[in-house]
Amino acid sequence: MQLLQRLDRTAATPEVERPAPEKVIAGDPVHTTWNLEDRDGLYCGIWQSTPGKWTVAYEEWEYVHILEGVSILTDSEGNATKLKAGDSWVIRPGFRGTWECVETTVKDYVILT
């Protein structure tokens, strides 16, 4: 096993899915995930979504670095945060709200459950 792993989409088979229909608020977002690490409650890789808006409820920690596109993350109190290429964020457990991809968005992610 390599102890150094580059985040590279060609290193994993993409998984394509959509949010559950009851979570979709607008559009028809399609998510593509290249999961490069999955062990001991740690997940990391690259994620892409086409435009749309859906509800989110985080029970885990997630670090994100936006590589491409623009999204808006809005919490349950209505506070909107624009996520754009070059931005890095930590989403803490308990975050509830919506994720809206204004433009197709690509991010690196690290999730700890």
PDB file of N, CA and C in Angstrom:
ATOM      1  N   MET A   1       0.841  -1.181   0.000  1.00  0.00           N
ATOM      2  CA  MET A   1       0.000   0.000   0.000  1.00  0.00           C
ATOM      3  C   MET A   1       0.884   1.242   0.000  1.00  0.00           C
ATOM      4  N   GLN A   2       0.532   2.176  -0.855  1.00  0.00           N
ATOM      5  CA  GLN A   2       1.216   3.463  -0.889  1.00  0.00           C
ATOM      6  C   GLN A   2       0.864   4.255   0.371  1.00  0.00           C
ATOM      7  N   LEU A   3       1.818   4.922   0.955  1.00  0.00           N
ATOM      8  CA  LEU A   3       1.554   5.761   2.117  1.00  0.00           C
ATOM      9  C   LEU A   3       1.387   7.227   1.740  1.00  0.00           C
ATOM     10  N   LEU A   4       1.564   7.517   0.478  1.00  0.00           N
ATOM     11  CA  LEU A   4       1.343   8.861  -0.052  1.00  0.00           C
ATOM     12  C   LEU A   4       0.392   8.713  -1.226  1.00  0.00           C
ATOM     13  N   GLN A   5      -0.770   9.384  -1.155  1.00  0.00           N
ATOM     14  CA  GLN A   5      -1.805   9.232  -2.184  1.00  0.00           C
ATOM     15  C   GLN A   5      -2.141  10.592  -2.775  1.00  0.00           C
ATOM     16  N   ARG A   6      -1.926  10.757  -4.035  1.00  0.00           N
ATOM     17  CA  ARG A   6      -2.320  11.980  -4.727  1.00  0.00           C
ATOM     18  C   ARG A   6      -3.810  11.919  -5.023  1.00  0.00           C
ATOM     19  N   LEU A   7      -4.511  13.032  -4.845  1.00  0.00           N
ATOM     20  CA  LEU A   7      -5.923  13.086  -5.199  1.00  0.00           C
ATOM     21  C   LEU A   7      -6.015  13.291  -6.705  1.00  0.00           C
ATOM     22  N   ASP A   8      -6.379  12.218  -7.393  1.00  0.00           N
ATOM     23  CA  ASP A   8      -6.391  12.191  -8.848  1.00  0.00           C
ATOM     24  C   ASP A   8      -7.616  11.401  -9.296  1.00  0.00           C
ATOM     25  N   ARG A   9      -8.470  12.021 -10.088  1.00  0.00           N
ATOM     26  CA  ARG A   9      -9.702  11.355 -10.534  1.00  0.00           C
ATOM     27  C   ARG A   9      -9.441  10.067 -11.294  1.00  0.00           C
ATOM     28  N   THR A  10      -8.286   9.942 -11.948  1.00  0.00           N
ATOM     29  CA  THR A  10      -8.013   8.728 -12.722  1.00  0.00           C
ATOM     30  C   THR A  10      -7.646   7.549 -11.822  1.00  0.00           C
ATOM     31  N   ALA A  11      -7.459   7.790 -10.518  1.00  0.00           N
ATOM     32  CA  ALA A  11      -7.052   6.729  -9.597  1.00  0.00           C
ATOM     33  C   ALA A  11      -8.238   5.980  -8.990  1.00  0.00           C
ATOM     34  N   ALA A  12      -9.462   6.385  -9.306  1.00  0.00           N
ATOM     35  CA  ALA A  12     -10.641   5.740  -8.720  1.00  0.00           C
ATOM     36  C   ALA A  12     -11.749   5.642  -9.757  1.00  0.00           C
ATOM     37  N   THR A  13     -12.618   4.671  -9.570  1.00  0.00           N
ATOM     38  CA  THR A  13     -13.798   4.524 -10.416  1.00  0.00           C
ATOM     39  C   THR A  13     -14.854   5.506  -9.933  1.00  0.00           C
ATOM     40  N   PRO A  14     -15.388   6.358 -10.805  1.00  0.00           N
ATOM     41  CA  PRO A  14     -16.391   7.330 -10.359  1.00  0.00           C
ATOM     42  C   PRO A  14     -17.707   6.657  -9.986  1.00  0.00           C
ATOM     43  N   GLU A  15     -18.328   7.186  -8.932  1.00  0.00           N
ATOM     44  CA  GLU A  15     -19.664   6.756  -8.515  1.00  0.00           C
ATOM     45  C   GLU A  15     -20.607   7.911  -8.845  1.00  0.00           C
ATOM     46  N   VAL A  16     -21.678   7.632  -9.572  1.00  0.00           N
ATOM     47  CA  VAL A  16     -22.615   8.670  -9.985  1.00  0.00           C
ATOM     48  C   VAL A  16     -23.947   8.422  -9.287  1.00  0.00           C
ATOM     49  N   GLU A  17     -24.478   9.487  -8.669  1.00  0.00           N
ATOM     50  CA  GLU A  17     -25.762   9.383  -7.973  1.00  0.00           C
ATOM     51  C   GLU A  17     -26.429  10.747  -7.935  1.00  0.00           C
ATOM     52  N   ARG A  18     -27.661  10.737  -7.491  1.00  0.00           N
ATOM     53  CA  ARG A  18     -28.418  11.966  -7.285  1.00  0.00           C
ATOM     54  C   ARG A  18     -28.864  11.998  -5.824  1.00  0.00           C
ATOM     55  N   PRO A  19     -29.120  13.205  -5.279  1.00  0.00           N
ATOM     56  CA  PRO A  19     -29.697  13.254  -3.934  1.00  0.00           C
ATOM     57  C   PRO A  19     -31.063  12.569  -3.944  1.00  0.00           C
ATOM     58  N   ALA A  20     -31.478  12.070  -2.789  1.00  0.00           N
ATOM     59  CA  ALA A  20     -32.813  11.472  -2.681  1.00  0.00           C
ATOM     60  C   ALA A  20     -33.853  12.494  -3.148  1.00  0.00           C
ATOM     61  N   PRO A  21     -34.858  12.057  -3.903  1.00  0.00           N
ATOM     62  CA  PRO A  21     -35.842  12.991  -4.473  1.00  0.00           C
ATOM     63  C   PRO A  21     -36.477  13.931  -3.446  1.00  0.00           C
ATOM     64  N   GLU A  22     -36.711  13.451  -2.226  1.00  0.00           N
ATOM     65  CA  GLU A  22     -37.340  14.294  -1.205  1.00  0.00           C
ATOM     66  C   GLU A  22     -36.408  15.408  -0.698  1.00  0.00           C
ATOM     67  N   LYS A  23     -35.113  15.313  -1.013  1.00  0.00           N
ATOM     68  CA  LYS A  23     -34.158  16.350  -0.603  1.00  0.00           C
ATOM     69  C   LYS A  23     -33.958  17.426  -1.662  1.00  0.00           C
ATOM     70  N   VAL A  24     -34.330  17.138  -2.901  1.00  0.00           N
ATOM     71  CA  VAL A  24     -34.102  18.080  -4.007  1.00  0.00           C
ATOM     72  C   VAL A  24     -35.123  19.215  -3.956  1.00  0.00           C
ATOM     73  N   ILE A  25     -34.601  20.442  -3.981  1.00  0.00           N
ATOM     74  CA  ILE A  25     -35.430  21.643  -3.957  1.00  0.00           C
ATOM     75  C   ILE A  25     -35.550  22.234  -5.356  1.00  0.00           C
ATOM     76  N   ALA A  26     -34.458  22.171  -6.119  1.00  0.00           N
ATOM     77  CA  ALA A  26     -34.466  22.745  -7.471  1.00  0.00           C
ATOM     78  C   ALA A  26     -33.486  21.997  -8.357  1.00  0.00           C
ATOM     79  N   GLY A  27     -33.798  21.946  -9.645  1.00  0.00           N
ATOM     80  CA  GLY A  27     -32.900  21.337 -10.625  1.00  0.00           C
ATOM     81  C   GLY A  27     -32.869  19.824 -10.543  1.00  0.00           C
ATOM     82  N   ASP A  28     -31.848  19.272 -11.179  1.00  0.00           N
ATOM     83  CA  ASP A  28     -31.623  17.828 -11.206  1.00  0.00           C
ATOM     84  C   ASP A  28     -30.135  17.587 -10.981  1.00  0.00           C
ATOM     85  N   PRO A  29     -29.645  17.859  -9.757  1.00  0.00           N
ATOM     86  CA  PRO A  29     -28.212  17.729  -9.517  1.00  0.00           C
ATOM     87  C   PRO A  29     -27.732  16.283  -9.637  1.00  0.00           C
ATOM     88  N   VAL A  30     -26.613  16.127 -10.319  1.00  0.00           N
ATOM     89  CA  VAL A  30     -25.971  14.819 -10.472  1.00  0.00           C
ATOM     90  C   VAL A  30     -24.613  14.907  -9.779  1.00  0.00           C
ATOM     91  N   HIS A  31     -24.380  13.990  -8.847  1.00  0.00           N
ATOM     92  CA  HIS A  31     -23.127  13.970  -8.094  1.00  0.00           C
ATOM     93  C   HIS A  31     -22.230  12.857  -8.627  1.00  0.00           C
ATOM     94  N   THR A  32     -20.980  13.190  -8.851  1.00  0.00           N
ATOM     95  CA  THR A  32     -19.971  12.202  -9.232  1.00  0.00           C
ATOM     96  C   THR A  32     -18.884  12.255  -8.172  1.00  0.00           C
ATOM     97  N   THR A  33     -18.559  11.089  -7.614  1.00  0.00           N
ATOM     98  CA  THR A  33     -17.577  11.006  -6.535  1.00  0.00           C
ATOM     99  C   THR A  33     -16.472  10.044  -6.920  1.00  0.00           C
ATOM    100  N   TRP A  34     -15.246  10.507  -6.742  1.00  0.00           N
ATOM    101  CA  TRP A  34     -14.071   9.663  -6.891  1.00  0.00           C
ATOM    102  C   TRP A  34     -13.511   9.485  -5.486  1.00  0.00           C
ATOM    103  N   ASN A  35     -13.932   8.434  -4.783  1.00  0.00           N
ATOM    104  CA  ASN A  35     -13.526   8.209  -3.395  1.00  0.00           C
ATOM    105  C   ASN A  35     -12.174   7.499  -3.400  1.00  0.00           C
ATOM    106  N   LEU A  36     -11.152   8.157  -2.870  1.00  0.00           N
ATOM    107  CA  LEU A  36      -9.797   7.626  -2.937  1.00  0.00           C
ATOM    108  C   LEU A  36      -9.324   7.010  -1.631  1.00  0.00           C
ATOM    109  N   GLU A  37     -10.055   7.259  -0.557  1.00  0.00           N
ATOM    110  CA  GLU A  37      -9.699   6.676   0.743  1.00  0.00           C
ATOM    111  C   GLU A  37     -10.976   6.383   1.493  1.00  0.00           C
ATOM    112  N   ASP A  38     -11.061   5.203   2.085  1.00  0.00           N
ATOM    113  CA  ASP A  38     -12.252   4.789   2.820  1.00  0.00           C
ATOM    114  C   ASP A  38     -11.801   3.785   3.873  1.00  0.00           C
ATOM    115  N   ARG A  39     -11.434   4.306   5.044  1.00  0.00           N
ATOM    116  CA  ARG A  39     -10.989   3.404   6.111  1.00  0.00           C
ATOM    117  C   ARG A  39     -11.110   4.085   7.461  1.00  0.00           C
ATOM    118  N   ASP A  40     -11.479   3.309   8.452  1.00  0.00           N
ATOM    119  CA  ASP A  40     -11.516   3.769   9.844  1.00  0.00           C
ATOM    120  C   ASP A  40     -12.298   5.065  10.026  1.00  0.00           C
ATOM    121  N   GLY A  41     -13.392   5.237   9.295  1.00  0.00           N
ATOM    122  CA  GLY A  41     -14.217   6.431   9.439  1.00  0.00           C
ATOM    123  C   GLY A  41     -13.691   7.657   8.727  1.00  0.00           C
ATOM    124  N   LEU A  42     -12.667   7.473   7.892  1.00  0.00           N
ATOM    125  CA  LEU A  42     -12.092   8.579   7.130  1.00  0.00           C
ATOM    126  C   LEU A  42     -12.343   8.329   5.649  1.00  0.00           C
ATOM    127  N   TYR A  43     -12.848   9.345   4.976  1.00  0.00           N
ATOM    128  CA  TYR A  43     -13.115   9.274   3.555  1.00  0.00           C
ATOM    129  C   TYR A  43     -12.500  10.504   2.909  1.00  0.00           C
ATOM    130  N   CYS A  44     -11.879  10.344   1.752  1.00  0.00           N
ATOM    131  CA  CYS A  44     -11.408  11.517   1.021  1.00  0.00           C
ATOM    132  C   CYS A  44     -11.387  11.213  -0.460  1.00  0.00           C
ATOM    133  N   GLY A  45     -11.468  12.277  -1.230  1.00  0.00           N
ATOM    134  CA  GLY A  45     -11.457  12.136  -2.670  1.00  0.00           C
ATOM    135  C   GLY A  45     -11.882  13.426  -3.336  1.00  0.00           C
ATOM    136  N   ILE A  46     -12.504  13.267  -4.492  1.00  0.00           N
ATOM    137  CA  ILE A  46     -12.953  14.400  -5.297  1.00  0.00           C
ATOM    138  C   ILE A  46     -14.436  14.208  -5.579  1.00  0.00           C
ATOM    139  N   TRP A  47     -15.195  15.275  -5.482  1.00  0.00           N
ATOM    140  CA  TRP A  47     -16.644  15.259  -5.685  1.00  0.00           C
ATOM    141  C   TRP A  47     -17.010  16.351  -6.669  1.00  0.00           C
ATOM    142  N   GLN A  48     -17.980  16.059  -7.497  1.00  0.00           N
ATOM    143  CA  GLN A  48     -18.480  17.035  -8.469  1.00  0.00           C
ATOM    144  C   GLN A  48     -20.001  17.002  -8.457  1.00  0.00           C
ATOM    145  N   SER A  49     -20.613  18.162  -8.589  1.00  0.00           N
ATOM    146  CA  SER A  49     -22.065  18.217  -8.728  1.00  0.00           C
ATOM    147  C   SER A  49     -22.439  19.194  -9.821  1.00  0.00           C
ATOM    148  N   THR A  50     -23.459  18.819 -10.588  1.00  0.00           N
ATOM    149  CA  THR A  50     -24.047  19.719 -11.566  1.00  0.00           C
ATOM    150  C   THR A  50     -25.028  20.638 -10.833  1.00  0.00           C
ATOM    151  N   PRO A  51     -25.475  21.721 -11.469  1.00  0.00           N
ATOM    152  CA  PRO A  51     -26.361  22.676 -10.795  1.00  0.00           C
ATOM    153  C   PRO A  51     -27.644  22.054 -10.247  1.00  0.00           C
ATOM    154  N   GLY A  52     -28.067  22.620  -9.132  1.00  0.00           N
ATOM    155  CA  GLY A  52     -29.275  22.200  -8.439  1.00  0.00           C
ATOM    156  C   GLY A  52     -29.180  22.611  -6.989  1.00  0.00           C
ATOM    157  N   LYS A  53     -30.243  22.323  -6.234  1.00  0.00           N
ATOM    158  CA  LYS A  53     -30.283  22.691  -4.811  1.00  0.00           C
ATOM    159  C   LYS A  53     -30.961  21.566  -4.047  1.00  0.00           C
ATOM    160  N   TRP A  54     -30.386  21.204  -2.880  1.00  0.00           N
ATOM    161  CA  TRP A  54     -30.927  20.119  -2.076  1.00  0.00           C
ATOM    162  C   TRP A  54     -30.642  20.392  -0.609  1.00  0.00           C
ATOM    163  N   THR A  55     -31.379  19.716   0.260  1.00  0.00           N
ATOM    164  CA  THR A  55     -31.157  19.856   1.700  1.00  0.00           C
ATOM    165  C   THR A  55     -29.984  18.979   2.129  1.00  0.00           C
ATOM    166  N   VAL A  56     -29.273  19.453   3.163  1.00  0.00           N
ATOM    167  CA  VAL A  56     -28.154  18.700   3.732  1.00  0.00           C
ATOM    168  C   VAL A  56     -28.286  18.674   5.251  1.00  0.00           C
ATOM    169  N   ALA A  57     -27.774  17.604   5.846  1.00  0.00           N
ATOM    170  CA  ALA A  57     -27.730  17.457   7.298  1.00  0.00           C
ATOM    171  C   ALA A  57     -26.437  16.704   7.620  1.00  0.00           C
ATOM    172  N   TYR A  58     -25.472  17.397   8.181  1.00  0.00           N
ATOM    173  CA  TYR A  58     -24.162  16.813   8.455  1.00  0.00           C
ATOM    174  C   TYR A  58     -24.108  16.186   9.850  1.00  0.00           C
ATOM    175  N   GLU A  59     -23.737  14.931   9.906  1.00  0.00           N
ATOM    176  CA  GLU A  59     -23.485  14.229  11.164  1.00  0.00           C
ATOM    177  C   GLU A  59     -21.998  13.997  11.333  1.00  0.00           C
ATOM    178  N   GLU A  60     -21.206  14.415  10.362  1.00  0.00           N
ATOM    179  CA  GLU A  60     -19.767  14.175  10.326  1.00  0.00           C
ATOM    180  C   GLU A  60     -19.040  15.495  10.103  1.00  0.00           C
ATOM    181  N   TRP A  61     -17.721  15.473  10.282  1.00  0.00           N
ATOM    182  CA  TRP A  61     -16.856  16.600   9.948  1.00  0.00           C
ATOM    183  C   TRP A  61     -16.513  16.486   8.473  1.00  0.00           C
ATOM    184  N   GLU A  62     -16.469  17.622   7.781  1.00  0.00           N
ATOM    185  CA  GLU A  62     -15.990  17.604   6.402  1.00  0.00           C
ATOM    186  C   GLU A  62     -15.132  18.828   6.139  1.00  0.00           C
ATOM    187  N   TYR A  63     -13.949  18.579   5.601  1.00  0.00           N
ATOM    188  CA  TYR A  63     -13.086  19.640   5.090  1.00  0.00           C
ATOM    189  C   TYR A  63     -13.283  19.648   3.583  1.00  0.00           C
ATOM    190  N   VAL A  64     -13.511  20.830   3.012  1.00  0.00           N
ATOM    191  CA  VAL A  64     -13.670  20.944   1.559  1.00  0.00           C
ATOM    192  C   VAL A  64     -12.747  22.019   1.018  1.00  0.00           C
ATOM    193  N   HIS A  65     -12.232  21.758  -0.163  1.00  0.00           N
ATOM    194  CA  HIS A  65     -11.472  22.755  -0.919  1.00  0.00           C
ATOM    195  C   HIS A  65     -12.105  22.802  -2.303  1.00  0.00           C
ATOM    196  N   ILE A  66     -12.660  23.950  -2.655  1.00  0.00           N
ATOM    197  CA  ILE A  66     -13.354  24.090  -3.927  1.00  0.00           C
ATOM    198  C   ILE A  66     -12.329  24.287  -5.042  1.00  0.00           C
ATOM    199  N   LEU A  67     -12.370  23.392  -6.015  1.00  0.00           N
ATOM    200  CA  LEU A  67     -11.443  23.438  -7.145  1.00  0.00           C
ATOM    201  C   LEU A  67     -12.012  24.223  -8.322  1.00  0.00           C
ATOM    202  N   GLU A  68     -13.323  24.060  -8.547  1.00  0.00           N
ATOM    203  CA  GLU A  68     -13.985  24.703  -9.688  1.00  0.00           C
ATOM    204  C   GLU A  68     -15.420  25.025  -9.303  1.00  0.00           C
ATOM    205  N   GLY A  69     -15.958  26.072  -9.925  1.00  0.00           N
ATOM    206  CA  GLY A  69     -17.375  26.363  -9.805  1.00  0.00           C
ATOM    207  C   GLY A  69     -17.742  27.237  -8.621  1.00  0.00           C
ATOM    208  N   VAL A  70     -19.067  27.382  -8.455  1.00  0.00           N
ATOM    209  CA  VAL A  70     -19.629  28.194  -7.376  1.00  0.00           C
ATOM    210  C   VAL A  70     -20.812  27.458  -6.779  1.00  0.00           C
ATOM    211  N   SER A  71     -20.835  27.392  -5.453  1.00  0.00           N
ATOM    212  CA  SER A  71     -21.964  26.840  -4.708  1.00  0.00           C
ATOM    213  C   SER A  71     -22.322  27.809  -3.596  1.00  0.00           C
ATOM    214  N   ILE A  72     -23.536  27.682  -3.078  1.00  0.00           N
ATOM    215  CA  ILE A  72     -23.973  28.466  -1.923  1.00  0.00           C
ATOM    216  C   ILE A  72     -24.470  27.486  -0.873  1.00  0.00           C
ATOM    217  N   LEU A  73     -23.872  27.557   0.304  1.00  0.00           N
ATOM    218  CA  LEU A  73     -24.270  26.735   1.442  1.00  0.00           C
ATOM    219  C   LEU A  73     -25.048  27.654   2.380  1.00  0.00           C
ATOM    220  N   THR A  74     -26.309  27.310   2.664  1.00  0.00           N
ATOM    221  CA  THR A  74     -27.172  28.138   3.503  1.00  0.00           C
ATOM    222  C   THR A  74     -27.583  27.333   4.721  1.00  0.00           C
ATOM    223  N   ASP A  75     -27.344  27.903   5.911  1.00  0.00           N
ATOM    224  CA  ASP A  75     -27.696  27.173   7.131  1.00  0.00           C
ATOM    225  C   ASP A  75     -29.190  27.303   7.428  1.00  0.00           C
ATOM    226  N   SER A  76     -29.648  26.584   8.436  1.00  0.00           N
ATOM    227  CA  SER A  76     -31.076  26.528   8.758  1.00  0.00           C
ATOM    228  C   SER A  76     -31.627  27.868   9.230  1.00  0.00           C
ATOM    229  N   GLU A  77     -30.746  28.821   9.575  1.00  0.00           N
ATOM    230  CA  GLU A  77     -31.196  30.148   9.981  1.00  0.00           C
ATOM    231  C   GLU A  77     -31.209  31.131   8.807  1.00  0.00           C
ATOM    232  N   GLY A  78     -30.822  30.651   7.624  1.00  0.00           N
ATOM    233  CA  GLY A  78     -30.866  31.491   6.427  1.00  0.00           C
ATOM    234  C   GLY A  78     -29.575  32.209   6.097  1.00  0.00           C
ATOM    235  N   ASN A  79     -28.489  31.924   6.823  1.00  0.00           N
ATOM    236  CA  ASN A  79     -27.192  32.541   6.543  1.00  0.00           C
ATOM    237  C   ASN A  79     -26.539  31.843   5.363  1.00  0.00           C
ATOM    238  N   ALA A  80     -26.318  32.585   4.275  1.00  0.00           N
ATOM    239  CA  ALA A  80     -25.766  32.015   3.043  1.00  0.00           C
ATOM    240  C   ALA A  80     -24.269  32.300   2.950  1.00  0.00           C
ATOM    241  N   THR A  81     -23.511  31.276   2.529  1.00  0.00           N
ATOM    242  CA  THR A  81     -22.069  31.412   2.329  1.00  0.00           C
ATOM    243  C   THR A  81     -21.743  30.936   0.924  1.00  0.00           C
ATOM    244  N   LYS A  82     -21.090  31.806   0.158  1.00  0.00           N
ATOM    245  CA  LYS A  82     -20.686  31.434  -1.203  1.00  0.00           C
ATOM    246  C   LYS A  82     -19.376  30.657  -1.131  1.00  0.00           C
ATOM    247  N   LEU A  83     -19.336  29.511  -1.778  1.00  0.00           N
ATOM    248  CA  LEU A  83     -18.137  28.685  -1.892  1.00  0.00           C
ATOM    249  C   LEU A  83     -17.679  28.783  -3.346  1.00  0.00           C
ATOM    250  N   LYS A  84     -16.447  29.242  -3.556  1.00  0.00           N
ATOM    251  CA  LYS A  84     -15.965  29.408  -4.934  1.00  0.00           C
ATOM    252  C   LYS A  84     -14.559  28.835  -5.054  1.00  0.00           C
ATOM    253  N   ALA A  85     -14.128  28.650  -6.286  1.00  0.00           N
ATOM    254  CA  ALA A  85     -12.809  28.069  -6.553  1.00  0.00           C
ATOM    255  C   ALA A  85     -11.738  28.774  -5.726  1.00  0.00           C
ATOM    256  N   GLY A  86     -10.922  27.961  -5.050  1.00  0.00           N
ATOM    257  CA  GLY A  86      -9.849  28.464  -4.207  1.00  0.00           C
ATOM    258  C   GLY A  86     -10.207  28.506  -2.732  1.00  0.00           C
ATOM    259  N   ASP A  87     -11.496  28.428  -2.393  1.00  0.00           N
ATOM    260  CA  ASP A  87     -11.930  28.475  -0.997  1.00  0.00           C
ATOM    261  C   ASP A  87     -11.764  27.126  -0.309  1.00  0.00           C
ATOM    262  N   SER A  88     -11.476  27.174   0.985  1.00  0.00           N
ATOM    263  CA  SER A  88     -11.414  25.980   1.839  1.00  0.00           C
ATOM    264  C   SER A  88     -12.311  26.216   3.048  1.00  0.00           C
ATOM    265  N   TRP A  89     -13.055  25.196   3.443  1.00  0.00           N
ATOM    266  CA  TRP A  89     -14.003  25.298   4.546  1.00  0.00           C
ATOM    267  C   TRP A  89     -14.018  24.020   5.366  1.00  0.00           C
ATOM    268  N   VAL A  90     -14.427  24.142   6.624  1.00  0.00           N
ATOM    269  CA  VAL A  90     -14.739  22.995   7.473  1.00  0.00           C
ATOM    270  C   VAL A  90     -16.225  23.076   7.782  1.00  0.00           C
ATOM    271  N   ILE A  91     -16.933  21.988   7.529  1.00  0.00           N
ATOM    272  CA  ILE A  91     -18.355  21.886   7.869  1.00  0.00           C
ATOM    273  C   ILE A  91     -18.425  20.963   9.081  1.00  0.00           C
ATOM    274  N   ARG A  92     -18.990  21.469  10.163  1.00  0.00           N
ATOM    275  CA  ARG A  92     -19.009  20.721  11.419  1.00  0.00           C
ATOM    276  C   ARG A  92     -20.279  19.882  11.558  1.00  0.00           C
ATOM    277  N   PRO A  93     -20.199  18.809  12.338  1.00  0.00           N
ATOM    278  CA  PRO A  93     -21.401  18.010  12.604  1.00  0.00           C
ATOM    279  C   PRO A  93     -22.512  18.896  13.177  1.00  0.00           C
ATOM    280  N   GLY A  94     -23.721  18.629  12.732  1.00  0.00           N
ATOM    281  CA  GLY A  94     -24.873  19.393  13.190  1.00  0.00           C
ATOM    282  C   GLY A  94     -25.313  20.464  12.204  1.00  0.00           C
ATOM    283  N   PHE A  95     -24.493  20.739  11.164  1.00  0.00           N
ATOM    284  CA  PHE A  95     -24.896  21.732  10.167  1.00  0.00           C
ATOM    285  C   PHE A  95     -26.123  21.217   9.429  1.00  0.00           C
ATOM    286  N   ARG A  96     -27.143  22.045   9.355  1.00  0.00           N
ATOM    287  CA  ARG A  96     -28.367  21.733   8.617  1.00  0.00           C
ATOM    288  C   ARG A  96     -28.661  22.901   7.689  1.00  0.00           C
ATOM    289  N   GLY A  97     -29.139  22.609   6.504  1.00  0.00           N
ATOM    290  CA  GLY A  97     -29.487  23.671   5.574  1.00  0.00           C
ATOM    291  C   GLY A  97     -29.596  23.174   4.157  1.00  0.00           C
ATOM    292  N   THR A  98     -29.084  23.978   3.218  1.00  0.00           N
ATOM    293  CA  THR A  98     -29.145  23.606   1.804  1.00  0.00           C
ATOM    294  C   THR A  98     -27.787  23.797   1.153  1.00  0.00           C
ATOM    295  N   TRP A  99     -27.553  22.993   0.133  1.00  0.00           N
ATOM    296  CA  TRP A  99     -26.385  23.147  -0.748  1.00  0.00           C
ATOM    297  C   TRP A  99     -26.954  23.449  -2.126  1.00  0.00           C
ATOM    298  N   GLU A 100     -26.512  24.570  -2.698  1.00  0.00           N
ATOM    299  CA  GLU A 100     -26.948  24.937  -4.046  1.00  0.00           C
ATOM    300  C   GLU A 100     -25.730  25.083  -4.942  1.00  0.00           C
ATOM    301  N   CYS A 101     -25.663  24.285  -5.984  1.00  0.00           N
ATOM    302  CA  CYS A 101     -24.615  24.434  -6.994  1.00  0.00           C
ATOM    303  C   CYS A 101     -25.142  25.415  -8.031  1.00  0.00           C
ATOM    304  N   VAL A 102     -24.552  26.601  -8.042  1.00  0.00           N
ATOM    305  CA  VAL A 102     -24.920  27.630  -9.003  1.00  0.00           C
ATOM    306  C   VAL A 102     -24.255  27.305 -10.336  1.00  0.00           C
ATOM    307  N   GLU A 103     -23.000  26.880 -10.266  1.00  0.00           N
ATOM    308  CA  GLU A 103     -22.238  26.376 -11.411  1.00  0.00           C
ATOM    309  C   GLU A 103     -21.731  24.994 -11.018  1.00  0.00           C
ATOM    310  N   THR A 104     -21.528  24.129 -11.985  1.00  0.00           N
ATOM    311  CA  THR A 104     -20.955  22.822 -11.667  1.00  0.00           C
ATOM    312  C   THR A 104     -19.758  23.045 -10.753  1.00  0.00           C
ATOM    313  N   THR A 105     -19.763  22.333  -9.625  1.00  0.00           N
ATOM    314  CA  THR A 105     -18.753  22.516  -8.585  1.00  0.00           C
ATOM    315  C   THR A 105     -17.952  21.241  -8.420  1.00  0.00           C
ATOM    316  N   VAL A 106     -16.641  21.403  -8.288  1.00  0.00           N
ATOM    317  CA  VAL A 106     -15.718  20.293  -8.022  1.00  0.00           C
ATOM    318  C   VAL A 106     -14.980  20.627  -6.734  1.00  0.00           C
ATOM    319  N   LYS A 107     -14.916  19.668  -5.827  1.00  0.00           N
ATOM    320  CA  LYS A 107     -14.194  19.895  -4.571  1.00  0.00           C
ATOM    321  C   LYS A 107     -13.383  18.674  -4.191  1.00  0.00           C
ATOM    322  N   ASP A 108     -12.264  18.941  -3.485  1.00  0.00           N
ATOM    323  CA  ASP A 108     -11.568  17.901  -2.732  1.00  0.00           C
ATOM    324  C   ASP A 108     -12.295  17.827  -1.395  1.00  0.00           C
ATOM    325  N   TYR A 109     -12.383  16.637  -0.824  1.00  0.00           N
ATOM    326  CA  TYR A 109     -13.039  16.516   0.491  1.00  0.00           C
ATOM    327  C   TYR A 109     -12.288  15.520   1.356  1.00  0.00           C
ATOM    328  N   VAL A 110     -12.393  15.767   2.656  1.00  0.00           N
ATOM    329  CA  VAL A 110     -11.954  14.823   3.683  1.00  0.00           C
ATOM    330  C   VAL A 110     -13.079  14.786   4.699  1.00  0.00           C
ATOM    331  N   ILE A 111     -13.619  13.598   4.925  1.00  0.00           N
ATOM    332  CA  ILE A 111     -14.738  13.419   5.856  1.00  0.00           C
ATOM    333  C   ILE A 111     -14.279  12.513   6.989  1.00  0.00           C
ATOM    334  N   LEU A 112     -14.617  12.899   8.217  1.00  0.00           N
ATOM    335  CA  LEU A 112     -14.339  12.083   9.386  1.00  0.00           C
ATOM    336  C   LEU A 112     -15.666  11.820  10.093  1.00  0.00           C
ATOM    337  N   THR A 113     -15.994  10.544  10.222  1.00  0.00           N
ATOM    338  CA  THR A 113     -17.259  10.184  10.881  1.00  0.00           C
ATOM    339  C   THR A 113     -17.021   9.823  12.330  1.00  0.00           C
TER     340      THR A 113
END
